[in-house]
C-alpha atoms as a PDB file:
ATOM      1  CA  MET A   1       1.962   0.282  16.431  1.00  0.00           C
ATOM      2  CA  THR A   2       2.117   3.861  15.915  1.00  0.00           C
ATOM      3  CA  ASN A   3       1.490   6.227  18.807  1.00  0.00           C
ATOM      4  CA  VAL A   4      -1.280   8.726  18.285  1.00  0.00           C
ATOM      5  CA  SER A   5      -2.503  11.278  20.674  1.00  0.00           C
ATOM      6  CA  LYS A   6      -5.748  10.551  22.455  1.00  0.00           C
ATOM      7  CA  ASN A   7      -6.844  14.099  21.921  1.00  0.00           C
ATOM      8  CA  LYS A   8      -9.141  13.944  18.884  1.00  0.00           C
ATOM      9  CA  LEU A   9      -9.130  16.695  16.158  1.00  0.00           C
ATOM     10  CA  ASP A  10     -12.464  17.964  14.956  1.00  0.00           C
ATOM     11  CA  ASP A  11     -13.204  16.897  11.400  1.00  0.00           C
ATOM     12  CA  LYS A  12     -12.667  20.357   9.936  1.00  0.00           C
ATOM     13  CA  THR A  13      -9.252  20.784  11.495  1.00  0.00           C
ATOM     14  CA  ARG A  14      -8.231  17.267  10.512  1.00  0.00           C
ATOM     15  CA  GLN A  15      -9.226  17.869   6.867  1.00  0.00           C
ATOM     16  CA  GLN A  16      -7.390  21.199   6.778  1.00  0.00           C
ATOM     17  CA  LEU A  17      -4.239  19.561   8.108  1.00  0.00           C
ATOM     18  CA  PHE A  18      -4.577  16.674   5.670  1.00  0.00           C
ATOM     19  CA  LEU A  19      -4.929  19.066   2.787  1.00  0.00           C
ATOM     20  CA  GLN A  20      -1.822  20.990   3.814  1.00  0.00           C
ATOM     21  CA  PHE A  21       0.034  17.725   4.260  1.00  0.00           C
ATOM     22  CA  SER A  22      -1.051  16.464   0.791  1.00  0.00           C
ATOM     23  CA  THR A  23       0.203  19.678  -0.818  1.00  0.00           C
ATOM     24  CA  LEU A  24       3.784  18.600   0.059  1.00  0.00           C
ATOM     25  CA  PHE A  25       3.343  15.742  -2.444  1.00  0.00           C
ATOM     26  CA  THR A  26       1.377  17.637  -5.131  1.00  0.00           C
ATOM     27  CA  GLY A  27       3.395  18.121  -8.218  1.00  0.00           C
ATOM     28  CA  ALA A  28       6.599  16.630  -6.633  1.00  0.00           C
ATOM     29  CA  ASP A  29       8.942  14.763  -8.935  1.00  0.00           C
ATOM     30  CA  HIS A  30      10.013  11.232  -8.302  1.00  0.00           C
ATOM     31  CA  ASN A  31      13.194  12.239  -6.260  1.00  0.00           C
ATOM     32  CA  ARG A  32      11.323  14.718  -4.078  1.00  0.00           C
ATOM     33  CA  MET A  33       8.545  12.149  -3.403  1.00  0.00           C
ATOM     34  CA  ALA A  34      11.091   9.576  -2.456  1.00  0.00           C
ATOM     35  CA  CYS A  35      12.893  12.001  -0.179  1.00  0.00           C
ATOM     36  CA  LEU A  36       9.543  13.010   1.533  1.00  0.00           C
ATOM     37  CA  PHE A  37       8.463   9.506   2.016  1.00  0.00           C
ATOM     38  CA  GLU A  38      11.813   8.459   3.380  1.00  0.00           C
ATOM     39  CA  SER A  39      12.182  11.438   5.828  1.00  0.00           C
ATOM     40  CA  LEU A  40       8.581  11.402   7.120  1.00  0.00           C
ATOM     41  CA  PHE A  41       7.860   7.763   7.804  1.00  0.00           C
ATOM     42  CA  THR A  42       9.618   5.090   9.857  1.00  0.00           C
ATOM     43  CA  ASP A  43      10.591   1.871   8.180  1.00  0.00           C
ATOM     44  CA  THR A  44       7.638   0.128   9.895  1.00  0.00           C
ATOM     45  CA  GLU A  45       5.202   2.792   8.523  1.00  0.00           C
ATOM     46  CA  LYS A  46       6.635   2.457   5.047  1.00  0.00           C
ATOM     47  CA  ILE A  47       6.121  -1.311   5.097  1.00  0.00           C
ATOM     48  CA  MET A  48       2.619  -0.846   6.409  1.00  0.00           C
ATOM     49  CA  PHE A  49       1.768   1.601   3.544  1.00  0.00           C
ATOM     50  CA  ILE A  50       3.287  -0.781   0.951  1.00  0.00           C
ATOM     51  CA  LYS A  51       1.377  -3.752   2.301  1.00  0.00           C
ATOM     52  CA  ARG A  52      -1.785  -1.888   2.377  1.00  0.00           C
ATOM     53  CA  LEU A  53      -1.381  -0.984  -1.318  1.00  0.00           C
ATOM     54  CA  ALA A  54      -0.537  -4.601  -2.055  1.00  0.00           C
ATOM     55  CA  ILE A  55      -3.648  -5.739  -0.300  1.00  0.00           C
ATOM     56  CA  ILE A  56      -5.865  -3.202  -2.165  1.00  0.00           C
ATOM     57  CA  LEU A  57      -4.381  -4.209  -5.513  1.00  0.00           C
ATOM     58  CA  MET A  58      -4.904  -7.924  -4.707  1.00  0.00           C
ATOM     59  CA  ILE A  59      -8.521  -7.246  -3.691  1.00  0.00           C
ATOM     60  CA  SER A  60      -9.004  -5.371  -6.974  1.00  0.00           C
ATOM     61  CA  GLN A  61      -7.763  -8.351  -8.866  1.00  0.00           C
ATOM     62  CA  GLU A  62     -10.365 -10.540  -6.940  1.00  0.00           C
ATOM     63  CA  HIS A  63      -8.002 -12.658  -4.877  1.00  0.00           C
ATOM     64  CA  SER A  64      -9.475 -14.218  -1.805  1.00  0.00           C
ATOM     65  CA  SER A  65      -8.922 -12.770   1.595  1.00  0.00           C
ATOM     66  CA  TYR A  66      -7.250 -16.011   2.562  1.00  0.00           C
ATOM     67  CA  SER A  67      -4.690 -15.895  -0.257  1.00  0.00           C
ATOM     68  CA  ILE A  68      -3.998 -12.232   0.428  1.00  0.00           C
ATOM     69  CA  GLY A  69      -3.361 -12.875   4.011  1.00  0.00           C
ATOM     70  CA  LYS A  70      -1.051 -15.791   3.248  1.00  0.00           C
ATOM     71  CA  ALA A  71       0.879 -14.050   0.534  1.00  0.00           C
ATOM     72  CA  LEU A  72       1.448 -10.777   2.430  1.00  0.00           C
ATOM     73  CA  HIS A  73       1.612 -12.147   5.943  1.00  0.00           C
ATOM     74  CA  VAL A  74      -1.214  -9.937   7.182  1.00  0.00           C
ATOM     75  CA  SER A  75      -4.225 -10.722   9.467  1.00  0.00           C
ATOM     76  CA  ASP A  76      -7.562 -11.666   8.108  1.00  0.00           C
ATOM     77  CA  SER A  77      -9.139  -8.830   9.974  1.00  0.00           C
ATOM     78  CA  THR A  78      -6.821  -6.280   8.130  1.00  0.00           C
ATOM     79  CA  VAL A  79      -7.780  -7.740   4.670  1.00  0.00           C
ATOM     80  CA  ARG A  80     -11.450  -7.667   5.687  1.00  0.00           C
ATOM     81  CA  SER A  81     -11.252  -4.052   6.903  1.00  0.00           C
ATOM     82  CA  LEU A  82      -9.674  -2.963   3.546  1.00  0.00           C
ATOM     83  CA  LYS A  83     -11.986  -5.085   1.496  1.00  0.00           C
ATOM     84  CA  GLU A  84     -15.088  -3.382   3.124  1.00  0.00           C
ATOM     85  CA  LYS A  85     -13.551   0.033   2.179  1.00  0.00           C
ATOM     86  CA  PHE A  86     -12.759  -1.190  -1.278  1.00  0.00           C
ATOM     87  CA  LEU A  87     -16.287  -2.306  -1.885  1.00  0.00           C
ATOM     88  CA  LYS A  88     -17.523   1.102  -0.721  1.00  0.00           C
ATOM     89  CA  GLY A  89     -15.364   2.658  -3.460  1.00  0.00           C
ATOM     90  CA  GLU A  90     -12.930   4.295  -1.118  1.00  0.00           C
ATOM     91  CA  PHE A  91      -9.870   3.206  -3.142  1.00  0.00           C
ATOM     92  CA  ASP A  92     -11.146   3.755  -6.608  1.00  0.00           C
ATOM     93  CA  ILE A  93      -8.797   6.690  -7.299  1.00  0.00           C
ATOM     94  CA  LEU A  94      -5.814   4.620  -5.856  1.00  0.00           C
ATOM     95  CA  VAL A  95      -6.590   1.660  -8.033  1.00  0.00           C
ATOM     96  CA  GLY A  96      -7.088   3.781 -11.008  1.00  0.00           C
ATOM     97  CA  ALA A  97      -3.623   5.528 -10.428  1.00  0.00           C
ATOM     98  CA  THR A  98      -2.003   2.093 -10.403  1.00  0.00           C
ATOM     99  CA  ARG A  99      -3.425   1.295 -13.844  1.00  0.00           C
ATOM    100  CA  LYS A 100      -1.601   4.293 -15.381  1.00  0.00           C
ATOM    101  CA  LYS A 101       1.529   3.740 -17.540  1.00  0.00           C
ATOM    102  CA  ASN A 102       3.805   5.397 -14.961  1.00  0.00           C
ATOM    103  CA  PHE A 103       3.038   2.654 -12.354  1.00  0.00           C
ATOM    104  CA  ASP A 104       5.211  -0.323 -13.060  1.00  0.00           C
ATOM    105  CA  SER A 105       3.061  -3.282 -11.637  1.00  0.00           C
ATOM    106  CA  LYS A 106       5.641  -5.917 -12.425  1.00  0.00           C
ATOM    107  CA  LYS A 107       8.384  -4.013 -10.625  1.00  0.00           C
ATOM    108  CA  PHE A 108       6.071  -3.404  -7.663  1.00  0.00           C
ATOM    109  CA  TRP A 109       5.414  -7.102  -7.179  1.00  0.00           C
ATOM    110  CA  GLU A 110       9.098  -8.018  -7.562  1.00  0.00           C
ATOM    111  CA  THR A 111       9.956  -5.528  -4.887  1.00  0.00           C
ATOM    112  CA  MET A 112       7.141  -7.029  -2.666  1.00  0.00           C
ATOM    113  CA  ASP A 113       8.564 -10.416  -3.265  1.00  0.00           C
ATOM    114  CA  VAL A 114      12.032  -9.225  -1.969  1.00  0.00           C
ATOM    115  CA  LEU A 115      10.405  -7.424   0.943  1.00  0.00           C
ATOM    116  CA  LEU A 116       8.406 -10.453   2.066  1.00  0.00           C
ATOM    117  CA  ARG A 117      11.336 -12.851   1.724  1.00  0.00           C
ATOM    118  CA  LEU A 118      13.729 -10.414   3.499  1.00  0.00           C
ATOM    119  CA  GLY A 119      16.301 -10.975   0.678  1.00  0.00           C
ATOM    120  CA  MET A 120      16.117 -14.742   0.658  1.00  0.00           C
ATOM    121  CA  PRO A 121      15.914 -16.495  -2.748  1.00  0.00           C
ATOM    122  CA  SER A 122      12.490 -17.218  -4.142  1.00  0.00           C
ATOM    123  CA  TYR A 123      10.958 -20.632  -3.827  1.00  0.00           C
ATOM    124  CA  ASN A 124      12.206 -23.017  -6.564  1.00  0.00           C
ATOM    125  CA  ASP A 125      13.342 -19.983  -8.624  1.00  0.00           C
ATOM    126  CA  LYS A 126       9.623 -19.511  -9.563  1.00  0.00           C
ATOM    127  CA  ASP A 127       8.121 -16.130 -10.009  1.00  0.00           C
ATOM    128  CA  ARG A 128       5.845 -16.024  -6.938  1.00  0.00           C
ATOM    129  CA  TRP A 129       3.863 -13.032  -8.188  1.00  0.00           C
ATOM    130  CA  LYS A 130       3.301 -14.290 -11.744  1.00  0.00           C
ATOM    131  CA  PHE A 131      -0.253 -15.168 -10.857  1.00  0.00           C
ATOM    132  CA  LEU A 132      -1.050 -11.462 -10.353  1.00  0.00           C
ATOM    133  CA  ASP A 133      -0.253 -10.487 -13.953  1.00  0.00           C
ATOM    134  CA  ARG A 134      -3.723 -11.330 -15.511  1.00  0.00           C
END
C-alpha cells in the first residue's frame, strides 16, 4: 500500500500538478519513458500499474470478473471498481491506445505470463494467454 498524505489538495491544484507531471512523458521516446517509469515508481507500483492495464484490457475483451481475478491474482473488488470506471468510459483513450500498431498485445500478455508465474515454466507448455487473442 502506498503512503499518501492525509492533507487533500484542492481539485485545481491537483489538476495543475497532474498536467505538469504528464508533460514529463509527453513526446518522450521509448528509452526516456522506460527511464522515467523505472526511476519514479517502486517495483510494487509498477506491478500495480501493469495489472491495472491488464484488468482494463481483459474487461474490454469482455472477460468475466471471476476469470480476470483468477488469471491476474487480484481481488474481485479491484476488478469491479475498474469495471465500473470502464463502463463510464473512463478508459476509452487507454483502450484505444492499446489498439494502435505500436502496442504489441502478444508481447504484453507474454510478459504478464512471466510476471504472474514469477519465472516458473508455463502450465503444460501451453500458451496461457492465447484465449485473449480474439
